[in-house]
Amino acid sequence: MIKVTYLEKNNDVLEFSSIGHANSSKGDELDLICGSVSCVIIGGLNALENESCYDIDVKEGSVILKANSKPSNHDNIVLQTIITQLKTIENKYSKYISIRKL
């Protein structure tokens, strides 16, 4: 299961993590849920305008982001969009992904 957590303060996303694999495929099939989650997260991170405001660690099966200064409005919208898109995936595939606000 993919476990997503995030921390908001004053409507700013200050921390975000996604850990694990969906394991939704059988045999040699591609795991479409893992792929979808990866695309949403990596695509969103690529849209950040000020990466230096964050400590970001990306590894196989793990993404951890922590703000080290106040996020810009643009970057906060990007992070909120990532969370909204992941919640959309969770609505249909809650067996494979869970999202929790800290």
C-alpha atoms as a PDB file:
ATOM      1  CA  MET A   1       0.000   0.000   0.000  1.00  0.00           C
ATOM      2  CA  ILE A   2       1.099   3.555  -0.712  1.00  0.00           C
ATOM      3  CA  LYS A   3       0.862   5.725   2.399  1.00  0.00           C
ATOM      4  CA  VAL A   4       0.695   9.463   1.822  1.00  0.00           C
ATOM      5  CA  THR A   5       0.877  11.958   4.664  1.00  0.00           C
ATOM      6  CA  TYR A   6       1.003  15.739   4.617  1.00  0.00           C
ATOM      7  CA  LEU A   7       1.179  18.601   7.087  1.00  0.00           C
ATOM      8  CA  GLU A   8      -0.490  21.949   6.544  1.00  0.00           C
ATOM      9  CA  LYS A   9      -0.145  25.094   8.610  1.00  0.00           C
ATOM     10  CA  ASN A  10      -2.032  28.284   7.743  1.00  0.00           C
ATOM     11  CA  ASN A  11      -3.036  26.651   4.433  1.00  0.00           C
ATOM     12  CA  ASP A  12       0.605  26.057   3.468  1.00  0.00           C
ATOM     13  CA  VAL A  13       1.771  22.501   2.781  1.00  0.00           C
ATOM     14  CA  LEU A  14       4.923  22.199   4.888  1.00  0.00           C
ATOM     15  CA  GLU A  15       5.536  18.441   4.679  1.00  0.00           C
ATOM     16  CA  PHE A  16       4.550  15.721   2.250  1.00  0.00           C
ATOM     17  CA  SER A  17       5.537  12.069   2.040  1.00  0.00           C
ATOM     18  CA  SER A  18       4.567   9.119  -0.106  1.00  0.00           C
ATOM     19  CA  ILE A  19       5.973   5.762   0.952  1.00  0.00           C
ATOM     20  CA  GLY A  20       5.402   2.264  -0.367  1.00  0.00           C
ATOM     21  CA  HIS A  21       4.106   0.476  -3.428  1.00  0.00           C
ATOM     22  CA  ALA A  22       0.511  -0.227  -4.451  1.00  0.00           C
ATOM     23  CA  ASN A  23       1.181  -3.850  -5.425  1.00  0.00           C
ATOM     24  CA  SER A  24      -2.015  -3.782  -7.448  1.00  0.00           C
ATOM     25  CA  SER A  25      -0.761  -5.713 -10.480  1.00  0.00           C
ATOM     26  CA  LYS A  26      -0.617  -9.435 -11.050  1.00  0.00           C
ATOM     27  CA  GLY A  27       2.448 -11.215 -12.347  1.00  0.00           C
ATOM     28  CA  ASP A  28       4.361  -9.213 -14.939  1.00  0.00           C
ATOM     29  CA  GLU A  29       1.618  -6.623 -15.451  1.00  0.00           C
ATOM     30  CA  LEU A  30       2.487  -2.980 -15.003  1.00  0.00           C
ATOM     31  CA  ASP A  31       1.234  -1.504 -11.734  1.00  0.00           C
ATOM     32  CA  LEU A  32      -0.966   1.288 -13.058  1.00  0.00           C
ATOM     33  CA  ILE A  33      -1.776   2.684  -9.621  1.00  0.00           C
ATOM     34  CA  CYS A  34       1.909   3.014  -8.697  1.00  0.00           C
ATOM     35  CA  GLY A  35       2.571   4.557 -12.092  1.00  0.00           C
ATOM     36  CA  SER A  36      -0.280   7.023 -11.696  1.00  0.00           C
ATOM     37  CA  VAL A  37       0.838   8.085  -8.229  1.00  0.00           C
ATOM     38  CA  SER A  38       4.430   8.484  -9.430  1.00  0.00           C
ATOM     39  CA  CYS A  39       3.352  10.619 -12.393  1.00  0.00           C
ATOM     40  CA  VAL A  40       1.244  12.907 -10.213  1.00  0.00           C
ATOM     41  CA  ILE A  41       3.992  13.403  -7.629  1.00  0.00           C
ATOM     42  CA  ILE A  42       7.015  13.729  -9.939  1.00  0.00           C
ATOM     43  CA  GLY A  43       5.087  15.890 -12.397  1.00  0.00           C
ATOM     44  CA  GLY A  44       4.067  18.155  -9.533  1.00  0.00           C
ATOM     45  CA  LEU A  45       7.573  18.376  -8.106  1.00  0.00           C
ATOM     46  CA  ASN A  46       8.823  19.339 -11.569  1.00  0.00           C
ATOM     47  CA  ALA A  47       6.347  22.252 -11.520  1.00  0.00           C
ATOM     48  CA  LEU A  48       7.733  23.807  -8.319  1.00  0.00           C
ATOM     49  CA  GLU A  49       9.177  27.234  -9.040  1.00  0.00           C
ATOM     50  CA  ASN A  50      11.481  27.389  -6.023  1.00  0.00           C
ATOM     51  CA  GLU A  51      12.889  23.948  -5.165  1.00  0.00           C
ATOM     52  CA  SER A  52      15.417  25.558  -2.832  1.00  0.00           C
ATOM     53  CA  CYS A  53      12.568  26.222  -0.353  1.00  0.00           C
ATOM     54  CA  TYR A  54      12.331  22.456   0.212  1.00  0.00           C
ATOM     55  CA  ASP A  55      14.388  19.507   1.291  1.00  0.00           C
ATOM     56  CA  ILE A  56      13.309  16.821  -1.190  1.00  0.00           C
ATOM     57  CA  ASP A  57      14.351  13.175  -1.099  1.00  0.00           C
ATOM     58  CA  VAL A  58      13.191  10.929  -3.949  1.00  0.00           C
ATOM     59  CA  LYS A  59      13.974   7.210  -3.939  1.00  0.00           C
ATOM     60  CA  GLU A  60      12.271   4.139  -5.325  1.00  0.00           C
ATOM     61  CA  GLY A  61       8.996   3.829  -3.424  1.00  0.00           C
ATOM     62  CA  SER A  62       9.574   6.984  -1.395  1.00  0.00           C
ATOM     63  CA  VAL A  63       9.197  10.753  -1.761  1.00  0.00           C
ATOM     64  CA  ILE A  64       9.721  13.040   1.211  1.00  0.00           C
ATOM     65  CA  LEU A  65       9.401  16.824   1.019  1.00  0.00           C
ATOM     66  CA  LYS A  66       9.876  19.312   3.874  1.00  0.00           C
ATOM     67  CA  ALA A  67       9.672  23.070   3.564  1.00  0.00           C
ATOM     68  CA  ASN A  68      12.699  24.907   4.932  1.00  0.00           C
ATOM     69  CA  SER A  69      11.121  28.336   4.364  1.00  0.00           C
ATOM     70  CA  LYS A  70       7.678  29.745   3.602  1.00  0.00           C
ATOM     71  CA  PRO A  71       6.360  28.283   0.331  1.00  0.00           C
ATOM     72  CA  SER A  72       5.390  30.656  -2.455  1.00  0.00           C
ATOM     73  CA  ASN A  73       1.723  30.835  -3.428  1.00  0.00           C
ATOM     74  CA  HIS A  74       2.551  29.087  -6.719  1.00  0.00           C
ATOM     75  CA  ASP A  75       4.360  26.211  -5.018  1.00  0.00           C
ATOM     76  CA  ASN A  76       1.603  25.818  -2.440  1.00  0.00           C
ATOM     77  CA  ILE A  77      -0.968  25.534  -5.238  1.00  0.00           C
ATOM     78  CA  VAL A  78       1.210  22.873  -6.889  1.00  0.00           C
ATOM     79  CA  LEU A  79       1.418  20.857  -3.654  1.00  0.00           C
ATOM     80  CA  GLN A  80      -2.322  21.231  -3.018  1.00  0.00           C
ATOM     81  CA  THR A  81      -2.939  20.009  -6.571  1.00  0.00           C
ATOM     82  CA  ILE A  82      -0.764  16.938  -5.990  1.00  0.00           C
ATOM     83  CA  ILE A  83      -2.764  16.119  -2.861  1.00  0.00           C
ATOM     84  CA  THR A  84      -6.104  16.643  -4.634  1.00  0.00           C
ATOM     85  CA  GLN A  85      -5.071  14.383  -7.515  1.00  0.00           C
ATOM     86  CA  LEU A  86      -3.899  11.666  -5.112  1.00  0.00           C
ATOM     87  CA  LYS A  87      -7.199  11.907  -3.203  1.00  0.00           C
ATOM     88  CA  THR A  88      -8.981  11.309  -6.510  1.00  0.00           C
ATOM     89  CA  ILE A  89      -6.978   8.095  -6.978  1.00  0.00           C
ATOM     90  CA  GLU A  90      -7.673   7.125  -3.369  1.00  0.00           C
ATOM     91  CA  ASN A  91     -11.433   7.544  -3.891  1.00  0.00           C
ATOM     92  CA  LYS A  92     -11.465   4.641  -6.325  1.00  0.00           C
ATOM     93  CA  TYR A  93      -8.470   2.593  -5.161  1.00  0.00           C
ATOM     94  CA  SER A  94      -8.414   2.934  -1.348  1.00  0.00           C
ATOM     95  CA  LYS A  95      -7.210  -0.666  -1.097  1.00  0.00           C
ATOM     96  CA  TYR A  96      -3.882   0.484  -2.583  1.00  0.00           C
ATOM     97  CA  ILE A  97      -3.388   4.093  -1.391  1.00  0.00           C
ATOM     98  CA  SER A  98      -4.229   5.941   1.814  1.00  0.00           C
ATOM     99  CA  ILE A  99      -3.869   9.658   2.443  1.00  0.00           C
ATOM    100  CA  ARG A 100      -3.727  11.188   5.893  1.00  0.00           C
ATOM    101  CA  LYS A 101      -3.431  14.788   6.995  1.00  0.00           C
ATOM    102  CA  LEU A 102      -1.122  15.188  10.005  1.00  0.00           C
END
